[in-house]
Amino acid sequence: MKAWPQMNLAGGPVQLNEKTLRDQSRPVLYHYDPAFIDFFEHTCNLLKDVYHTNYDVVIMQGEAVLALESAAGNAKIGTESS
């Protein structure tokens, strides 16, 4: 039986397959790279289909609480007096 390479990506060693190791050896695709921009736009369009919306979708990188805090911070609560 072949032993998979191990890499510490979590609380303990994680077994990786060949495809994962090969994909990790690819160059980093930066957020300003035209290929990334096309990929990001395509992903956003797929999410619009998933959520059946024509509005913009927001992809946030971070923990789930990041999106919750952002939504709460941008929510208009009650009425504002001028």
PDB file of N, CA and C in Angstrom:
ATOM      1  N   MET A   1       0.851  -1.181   0.000  1.00  0.00           N
ATOM      2  CA  MET A   1       0.000   0.000   0.000  1.00  0.00           C
ATOM      3  C   MET A   1       0.890   1.236   0.000  1.00  0.00           C
ATOM      4  N   LYS A   2       0.567   2.175  -0.878  1.00  0.00           N
ATOM      5  CA  LYS A   2       1.363   3.393  -0.996  1.00  0.00           C
ATOM      6  C   LYS A   2       0.993   4.360   0.123  1.00  0.00           C
ATOM      7  N   ALA A   3       1.992   4.920   0.784  1.00  0.00           N
ATOM      8  CA  ALA A   3       1.751   5.927   1.823  1.00  0.00           C
ATOM      9  C   ALA A   3       1.706   7.295   1.154  1.00  0.00           C
ATOM     10  N   TRP A   4       0.654   8.059   1.430  1.00  0.00           N
ATOM     11  CA  TRP A   4       0.526   9.397   0.867  1.00  0.00           C
ATOM     12  C   TRP A   4       1.459  10.358   1.582  1.00  0.00           C
ATOM     13  N   PRO A   5       1.947  11.374   0.887  1.00  0.00           N
ATOM     14  CA  PRO A   5       2.729  12.414   1.567  1.00  0.00           C
ATOM     15  C   PRO A   5       1.852  13.113   2.603  1.00  0.00           C
ATOM     16  N   GLN A   6       2.465  13.617   3.645  1.00  0.00           N
ATOM     17  CA  GLN A   6       1.700  14.299   4.675  1.00  0.00           C
ATOM     18  C   GLN A   6       2.119  15.759   4.750  1.00  0.00           C
ATOM     19  N   MET A   7       1.164  16.594   5.110  1.00  0.00           N
ATOM     20  CA  MET A   7       1.407  18.016   5.238  1.00  0.00           C
ATOM     21  C   MET A   7       0.551  18.518   6.393  1.00  0.00           C
ATOM     22  N   ASN A   8       1.090  19.367   7.228  1.00  0.00           N
ATOM     23  CA  ASN A   8       0.347  19.842   8.379  1.00  0.00           C
ATOM     24  C   ASN A   8      -0.478  21.070   8.000  1.00  0.00           C
ATOM     25  N   LEU A   9      -1.742  20.842   7.626  1.00  0.00           N
ATOM     26  CA  LEU A   9      -2.648  21.922   7.256  1.00  0.00           C
ATOM     27  C   LEU A   9      -3.740  22.114   8.305  1.00  0.00           C
ATOM     28  N   ALA A  10      -3.731  21.294   9.327  1.00  0.00           N
ATOM     29  CA  ALA A  10      -4.774  21.358  10.340  1.00  0.00           C
ATOM     30  C   ALA A  10      -4.158  21.020  11.691  1.00  0.00           C
ATOM     31  N   GLY A  11      -4.996  20.572  12.596  1.00  0.00           N
ATOM     32  CA  GLY A  11      -4.512  20.224  13.927  1.00  0.00           C
ATOM     33  C   GLY A  11      -3.565  19.028  13.913  1.00  0.00           C
ATOM     34  N   GLY A  12      -3.570  18.281  12.860  1.00  0.00           N
ATOM     35  CA  GLY A  12      -2.698  17.112  12.759  1.00  0.00           C
ATOM     36  C   GLY A  12      -2.267  16.930  11.319  1.00  0.00           C
ATOM     37  N   PRO A  13      -1.427  15.958  11.039  1.00  0.00           N
ATOM     38  CA  PRO A  13      -1.002  15.734   9.649  1.00  0.00           C
ATOM     39  C   PRO A  13      -2.201  15.331   8.787  1.00  0.00           C
ATOM     40  N   VAL A  14      -2.212  15.800   7.559  1.00  0.00           N
ATOM     41  CA  VAL A  14      -3.295  15.535   6.622  1.00  0.00           C
ATOM     42  C   VAL A  14      -2.712  14.795   5.433  1.00  0.00           C
ATOM     43  N   GLN A  15      -3.363  13.709   5.027  1.00  0.00           N
ATOM     44  CA  GLN A  15      -2.866  12.970   3.880  1.00  0.00           C
ATOM     45  C   GLN A  15      -3.313  13.667   2.599  1.00  0.00           C
ATOM     46  N   LEU A  16      -2.396  13.783   1.647  1.00  0.00           N
ATOM     47  CA  LEU A  16      -2.662  14.461   0.383  1.00  0.00           C
ATOM     48  C   LEU A  16      -2.540  13.487  -0.773  1.00  0.00           C
ATOM     49  N   ASN A  17      -3.357  13.690  -1.789  1.00  0.00           N
ATOM     50  CA  ASN A  17      -3.203  12.862  -2.977  1.00  0.00           C
ATOM     51  C   ASN A  17      -2.328  13.592  -3.995  1.00  0.00           C
ATOM     52  N   GLU A  18      -2.026  12.920  -5.078  1.00  0.00           N
ATOM     53  CA  GLU A  18      -1.121  13.473  -6.087  1.00  0.00           C
ATOM     54  C   GLU A  18      -1.678  14.752  -6.718  1.00  0.00           C
ATOM     55  N   LYS A  19      -2.977  14.797  -6.963  1.00  0.00           N
ATOM     56  CA  LYS A  19      -3.581  15.980  -7.594  1.00  0.00           C
ATOM     57  C   LYS A  19      -3.428  17.200  -6.702  1.00  0.00           C
ATOM     58  N   THR A  20      -3.613  17.043  -5.409  1.00  0.00           N
ATOM     59  CA  THR A  20      -3.470  18.158  -4.482  1.00  0.00           C
ATOM     60  C   THR A  20      -2.037  18.670  -4.479  1.00  0.00           C
ATOM     61  N   LEU A  21      -1.083  17.765  -4.423  1.00  0.00           N
ATOM     62  CA  LEU A  21       0.325  18.173  -4.447  1.00  0.00           C
ATOM     63  C   LEU A  21       0.674  18.868  -5.756  1.00  0.00           C
ATOM     64  N   ARG A  22       0.159  18.356  -6.863  1.00  0.00           N
ATOM     65  CA  ARG A  22       0.421  18.972  -8.171  1.00  0.00           C
ATOM     66  C   ARG A  22      -0.207  20.370  -8.243  1.00  0.00           C
ATOM     67  N   ASP A  23      -1.430  20.503  -7.745  1.00  0.00           N
ATOM     68  CA  ASP A  23      -2.095  21.809  -7.779  1.00  0.00           C
ATOM     69  C   ASP A  23      -1.393  22.822  -6.889  1.00  0.00           C
ATOM     70  N   GLN A  24      -0.822  22.383  -5.774  1.00  0.00           N
ATOM     71  CA  GLN A  24      -0.117  23.304  -4.888  1.00  0.00           C
ATOM     72  C   GLN A  24       1.204  23.773  -5.479  1.00  0.00           C
ATOM     73  N   SER A  25       1.700  23.076  -6.482  1.00  0.00           N
ATOM     74  CA  SER A  25       2.968  23.472  -7.098  1.00  0.00           C
ATOM     75  C   SER A  25       2.761  24.514  -8.202  1.00  0.00           C
ATOM     76  N   ARG A  26       1.501  24.805  -8.535  1.00  0.00           N
ATOM     77  CA  ARG A  26       1.222  25.806  -9.569  1.00  0.00           C
ATOM     78  C   ARG A  26       1.546  27.202  -9.036  1.00  0.00           C
ATOM     79  N   PRO A  27       1.852  28.137  -9.933  1.00  0.00           N
ATOM     80  CA  PRO A  27       2.150  29.507  -9.500  1.00  0.00           C
ATOM     81  C   PRO A  27       0.926  30.144  -8.825  1.00  0.00           C
ATOM     82  N   VAL A  28       1.185  31.078  -7.938  1.00  0.00           N
ATOM     83  CA  VAL A  28       0.116  31.787  -7.248  1.00  0.00           C
ATOM     84  C   VAL A  28      -0.580  32.713  -8.244  1.00  0.00           C
ATOM     85  N   LEU A  29      -1.904  32.717  -8.216  1.00  0.00           N
ATOM     86  CA  LEU A  29      -2.692  33.577  -9.080  1.00  0.00           C
ATOM     87  C   LEU A  29      -3.163  34.759  -8.237  1.00  0.00           C
ATOM     88  N   TYR A  30      -2.589  35.919  -8.479  1.00  0.00           N
ATOM     89  CA  TYR A  30      -2.892  37.095  -7.667  1.00  0.00           C
ATOM     90  C   TYR A  30      -4.221  37.723  -8.071  1.00  0.00           C
ATOM     91  N   HIS A  31      -4.812  38.481  -7.165  1.00  0.00           N
ATOM     92  CA  HIS A  31      -6.135  39.059  -7.385  1.00  0.00           C
ATOM     93  C   HIS A  31      -6.169  40.087  -8.519  1.00  0.00           C
ATOM     94  N   TYR A  32      -5.048  40.587  -8.935  1.00  0.00           N
ATOM     95  CA  TYR A  32      -5.007  41.559 -10.028  1.00  0.00           C
ATOM     96  C   TYR A  32      -4.629  40.915 -11.364  1.00  0.00           C
ATOM     97  N   ASP A  33      -4.415  39.616 -11.362  1.00  0.00           N
ATOM     98  CA  ASP A  33      -4.094  38.894 -12.591  1.00  0.00           C
ATOM     99  C   ASP A  33      -5.361  38.776 -13.447  1.00  0.00           C
ATOM    100  N   PRO A  34      -5.291  39.086 -14.752  1.00  0.00           N
ATOM    101  CA  PRO A  34      -6.482  38.984 -15.605  1.00  0.00           C
ATOM    102  C   PRO A  34      -7.134  37.594 -15.567  1.00  0.00           C
ATOM    103  N   ALA A  35      -6.338  36.543 -15.432  1.00  0.00           N
ATOM    104  CA  ALA A  35      -6.897  35.188 -15.354  1.00  0.00           C
ATOM    105  C   ALA A  35      -7.727  35.027 -14.084  1.00  0.00           C
ATOM    106  N   PHE A  36      -7.262  35.613 -12.973  1.00  0.00           N
ATOM    107  CA  PHE A  36      -8.025  35.543 -11.721  1.00  0.00           C
ATOM    108  C   PHE A  36      -9.316  36.343 -11.842  1.00  0.00           C
ATOM    109  N   ILE A  37      -9.245  37.511 -12.458  1.00  0.00           N
ATOM    110  CA  ILE A  37     -10.425  38.355 -12.609  1.00  0.00           C
ATOM    111  C   ILE A  37     -11.490  37.622 -13.421  1.00  0.00           C
ATOM    112  N   ASP A  38     -11.084  36.957 -14.501  1.00  0.00           N
ATOM    113  CA  ASP A  38     -12.033  36.172 -15.301  1.00  0.00           C
ATOM    114  C   ASP A  38     -12.615  35.024 -14.483  1.00  0.00           C
ATOM    115  N   PHE A  39     -11.761  34.322 -13.745  1.00  0.00           N
ATOM    116  CA  PHE A  39     -12.214  33.205 -12.917  1.00  0.00           C
ATOM    117  C   PHE A  39     -13.188  33.685 -11.844  1.00  0.00           C
ATOM    118  N   PHE A  40     -12.876  34.806 -11.204  1.00  0.00           N
ATOM    119  CA  PHE A  40     -13.722  35.362 -10.147  1.00  0.00           C
ATOM    120  C   PHE A  40     -15.084  35.770 -10.713  1.00  0.00           C
ATOM    121  N   GLU A  41     -15.080  36.425 -11.870  1.00  0.00           N
ATOM    122  CA  GLU A  41     -16.334  36.833 -12.499  1.00  0.00           C
ATOM    123  C   GLU A  41     -17.189  35.621 -12.853  1.00  0.00           C
ATOM    124  N   HIS A  42     -16.534  34.588 -13.385  1.00  0.00           N
ATOM    125  CA  HIS A  42     -17.252  33.353 -13.725  1.00  0.00           C
ATOM    126  C   HIS A  42     -17.865  32.730 -12.470  1.00  0.00           C
ATOM    127  N   THR A  43     -17.113  32.708 -11.381  1.00  0.00           N
ATOM    128  CA  THR A  43     -17.604  32.148 -10.124  1.00  0.00           C
ATOM    129  C   THR A  43     -18.790  32.954  -9.597  1.00  0.00           C
ATOM    130  N   CYS A  44     -18.714  34.267  -9.661  1.00  0.00           N
ATOM    131  CA  CYS A  44     -19.826  35.123  -9.220  1.00  0.00           C
ATOM    132  C   CYS A  44     -21.074  34.863 -10.062  1.00  0.00           C
ATOM    133  N   ASN A  45     -20.897  34.687 -11.361  1.00  0.00           N
ATOM    134  CA  ASN A  45     -22.045  34.389 -12.223  1.00  0.00           C
ATOM    135  C   ASN A  45     -22.661  33.037 -11.883  1.00  0.00           C
ATOM    136  N   LEU A  46     -21.836  32.061 -11.553  1.00  0.00           N
ATOM    137  CA  LEU A  46     -22.363  30.768 -11.129  1.00  0.00           C
ATOM    138  C   LEU A  46     -23.155  30.901  -9.830  1.00  0.00           C
ATOM    139  N   LEU A  47     -22.653  31.720  -8.902  1.00  0.00           N
ATOM    140  CA  LEU A  47     -23.372  31.933  -7.642  1.00  0.00           C
ATOM    141  C   LEU A  47     -24.702  32.639  -7.873  1.00  0.00           C
ATOM    142  N   LYS A  48     -24.743  33.556  -8.830  1.00  0.00           N
ATOM    143  CA  LYS A  48     -26.016  34.206  -9.165  1.00  0.00           C
ATOM    144  C   LYS A  48     -27.038  33.169  -9.623  1.00  0.00           C
ATOM    145  N   ASP A  49     -26.571  32.190 -10.402  1.00  0.00           N
ATOM    146  CA  ASP A  49     -27.470  31.120 -10.841  1.00  0.00           C
ATOM    147  C   ASP A  49     -27.928  30.274  -9.653  1.00  0.00           C
ATOM    148  N   VAL A  50     -27.014  29.967  -8.767  1.00  0.00           N
ATOM    149  CA  VAL A  50     -27.352  29.147  -7.595  1.00  0.00           C
ATOM    150  C   VAL A  50     -28.412  29.838  -6.743  1.00  0.00           C
ATOM    151  N   TYR A  51     -28.247  31.138  -6.526  1.00  0.00           N
ATOM    152  CA  TYR A  51     -29.162  31.885  -5.657  1.00  0.00           C
ATOM    153  C   TYR A  51     -30.314  32.541  -6.426  1.00  0.00           C
ATOM    154  N   HIS A  52     -30.417  32.285  -7.737  1.00  0.00           N
ATOM    155  CA  HIS A  52     -31.498  32.820  -8.571  1.00  0.00           C
ATOM    156  C   HIS A  52     -31.648  34.330  -8.386  1.00  0.00           C
ATOM    157  N   THR A  53     -30.564  35.050  -8.599  1.00  0.00           N
ATOM    158  CA  THR A  53     -30.590  36.499  -8.442  1.00  0.00           C
ATOM    159  C   THR A  53     -29.882  37.180  -9.599  1.00  0.00           C
ATOM    160  N   ASN A  54     -30.264  38.415  -9.847  1.00  0.00           N
ATOM    161  CA  ASN A  54     -29.562  39.248 -10.821  1.00  0.00           C
ATOM    162  C   ASN A  54     -28.690  40.281 -10.128  1.00  0.00           C
ATOM    163  N   TYR A  55     -28.789  40.321  -8.794  1.00  0.00           N
ATOM    164  CA  TYR A  55     -27.997  41.273  -8.019  1.00  0.00           C
ATOM    165  C   TYR A  55     -26.555  40.786  -7.886  1.00  0.00           C
ATOM    166  N   ASP A  56     -25.673  41.676  -7.474  1.00  0.00           N
ATOM    167  CA  ASP A  56     -24.284  41.303  -7.248  1.00  0.00           C
ATOM    168  C   ASP A  56     -24.192  40.323  -6.085  1.00  0.00           C
ATOM    169  N   VAL A  57     -23.261  39.400  -6.177  1.00  0.00           N
ATOM    170  CA  VAL A  57     -22.956  38.516  -5.062  1.00  0.00           C
ATOM    171  C   VAL A  57     -21.603  38.925  -4.497  1.00  0.00           C
ATOM    172  N   VAL A  58     -21.401  38.663  -3.230  1.00  0.00           N
ATOM    173  CA  VAL A  58     -20.151  39.023  -2.563  1.00  0.00           C
ATOM    174  C   VAL A  58     -19.507  37.748  -2.047  1.00  0.00           C
ATOM    175  N   ILE A  59     -18.276  37.520  -2.430  1.00  0.00           N
ATOM    176  CA  ILE A  59     -17.505  36.389  -1.917  1.00  0.00           C
ATOM    177  C   ILE A  59     -16.516  36.955  -0.912  1.00  0.00           C
ATOM    178  N   MET A  60     -16.646  36.537   0.333  1.00  0.00           N
ATOM    179  CA  MET A  60     -15.771  37.057   1.385  1.00  0.00           C
ATOM    180  C   MET A  60     -14.830  35.954   1.847  1.00  0.00           C
ATOM    181  N   GLN A  61     -13.558  36.270   1.927  1.00  0.00           N
ATOM    182  CA  GLN A  61     -12.578  35.312   2.407  1.00  0.00           C
ATOM    183  C   GLN A  61     -12.401  35.537   3.900  1.00  0.00           C
ATOM    184  N   GLY A  62     -12.746  34.548   4.680  1.00  0.00           N
ATOM    185  CA  GLY A  62     -12.619  34.669   6.126  1.00  0.00           C
ATOM    186  C   GLY A  62     -13.570  33.713   6.814  1.00  0.00           C
ATOM    187  N   GLU A  63     -13.640  33.836   8.115  1.00  0.00           N
ATOM    188  CA  GLU A  63     -14.544  33.001   8.884  1.00  0.00           C
ATOM    189  C   GLU A  63     -15.980  33.446   8.648  1.00  0.00           C
ATOM    190  N   ALA A  64     -16.929  32.574   8.954  1.00  0.00           N
ATOM    191  CA  ALA A  64     -18.339  32.891   8.741  1.00  0.00           C
ATOM    192  C   ALA A  64     -18.751  34.138   9.511  1.00  0.00           C
ATOM    193  N   VAL A  65     -18.154  34.351  10.670  1.00  0.00           N
ATOM    194  CA  VAL A  65     -18.525  35.508  11.475  1.00  0.00           C
ATOM    195  C   VAL A  65     -18.186  36.812  10.752  1.00  0.00           C
ATOM    196  N   LEU A  66     -17.227  36.805   9.843  1.00  0.00           N
ATOM    197  CA  LEU A  66     -16.890  37.997   9.064  1.00  0.00           C
ATOM    198  C   LEU A  66     -18.096  38.472   8.260  1.00  0.00           C
ATOM    199  N   ALA A  67     -18.746  37.551   7.570  1.00  0.00           N
ATOM    200  CA  ALA A  67     -19.916  37.913   6.777  1.00  0.00           C
ATOM    201  C   ALA A  67     -21.075  38.343   7.671  1.00  0.00           C
ATOM    202  N   LEU A  68     -21.250  37.660   8.805  1.00  0.00           N
ATOM    203  CA  LEU A  68     -22.331  38.028   9.725  1.00  0.00           C
ATOM    204  C   LEU A  68     -22.120  39.425  10.288  1.00  0.00           C
ATOM    205  N   GLU A  69     -20.897  39.730  10.687  1.00  0.00           N
ATOM    206  CA  GLU A  69     -20.606  41.058  11.223  1.00  0.00           C
ATOM    207  C   GLU A  69     -20.752  42.125  10.145  1.00  0.00           C
ATOM    208  N   SER A  70     -20.369  41.804   8.928  1.00  0.00           N
ATOM    209  CA  SER A  70     -20.517  42.752   7.833  1.00  0.00           C
ATOM    210  C   SER A  70     -21.991  43.033   7.562  1.00  0.00           C
ATOM    211  N   ALA A  71     -22.800  41.976   7.541  1.00  0.00           N
ATOM    212  CA  ALA A  71     -24.232  42.153   7.304  1.00  0.00           C
ATOM    213  C   ALA A  71     -24.862  42.960   8.439  1.00  0.00           C
ATOM    214  N   ALA A  72     -24.507  42.637   9.673  1.00  0.00           N
ATOM    215  CA  ALA A  72     -25.070  43.356  10.821  1.00  0.00           C
ATOM    216  C   ALA A  72     -24.629  44.814  10.818  1.00  0.00           C
ATOM    217  N   GLY A  73     -23.388  45.068  10.480  1.00  0.00           N
ATOM    218  CA  GLY A  73     -22.861  46.428  10.460  1.00  0.00           C
ATOM    219  C   GLY A  73     -23.487  47.290   9.381  1.00  0.00           C
ATOM    220  N   ASN A  74     -23.948  46.658   8.306  1.00  0.00           N
ATOM    221  CA  ASN A  74     -24.544  47.390   7.194  1.00  0.00           C
ATOM    222  C   ASN A  74     -26.058  47.418   7.228  1.00  0.00           C
ATOM    223  N   ALA A  75     -26.637  46.734   8.186  1.00  0.00           N
ATOM    224  CA  ALA A  75     -28.095  46.719   8.294  1.00  0.00           C
ATOM    225  C   ALA A  75     -28.585  48.031   8.907  1.00  0.00           C
ATOM    226  N   LYS A  76     -29.656  48.531   8.368  1.00  0.00           N
ATOM    227  CA  LYS A  76     -30.243  49.755   8.907  1.00  0.00           C
ATOM    228  C   LYS A  76     -31.291  49.332   9.941  1.00  0.00           C
ATOM    229  N   ILE A  77     -31.027  49.657  11.176  1.00  0.00           N
ATOM    230  CA  ILE A  77     -31.913  49.240  12.260  1.00  0.00           C
ATOM    231  C   ILE A  77     -32.707  50.449  12.730  1.00  0.00           C
ATOM    232  N   GLY A  78     -34.030  50.302  12.733  1.00  0.00           N
ATOM    233  CA  GLY A  78     -34.879  51.378  13.216  1.00  0.00           C
ATOM    234  C   GLY A  78     -34.865  52.560  12.277  1.00  0.00           C
ATOM    235  N   THR A  79     -35.234  53.709  12.806  1.00  0.00           N
ATOM    236  CA  THR A  79     -35.215  54.935  12.022  1.00  0.00           C
ATOM    237  C   THR A  79     -34.192  55.884  12.583  1.00  0.00           C
ATOM    238  N   GLU A  80     -33.591  56.620  11.714  1.00  0.00           N
ATOM    239  CA  GLU A  80     -32.589  57.598  12.136  1.00  0.00           C
ATOM    240  C   GLU A  80     -33.236  58.974  12.182  1.00  0.00           C
ATOM    241  N   SER A  81     -32.911  59.724  13.185  1.00  0.00           N
ATOM    242  CA  SER A  81     -33.428  61.094  13.254  1.00  0.00           C
ATOM    243  C   SER A  81     -32.331  62.052  12.829  1.00  0.00           C
ATOM    244  N   SER A  82     -32.697  63.025  12.028  1.00  0.00           N
ATOM    245  CA  SER A  82     -31.716  63.992  11.532  1.00  0.00           C
ATOM    246  C   SER A  82     -31.636  65.196  12.417  1.00  0.00           C
TER     247      SER A  82
END
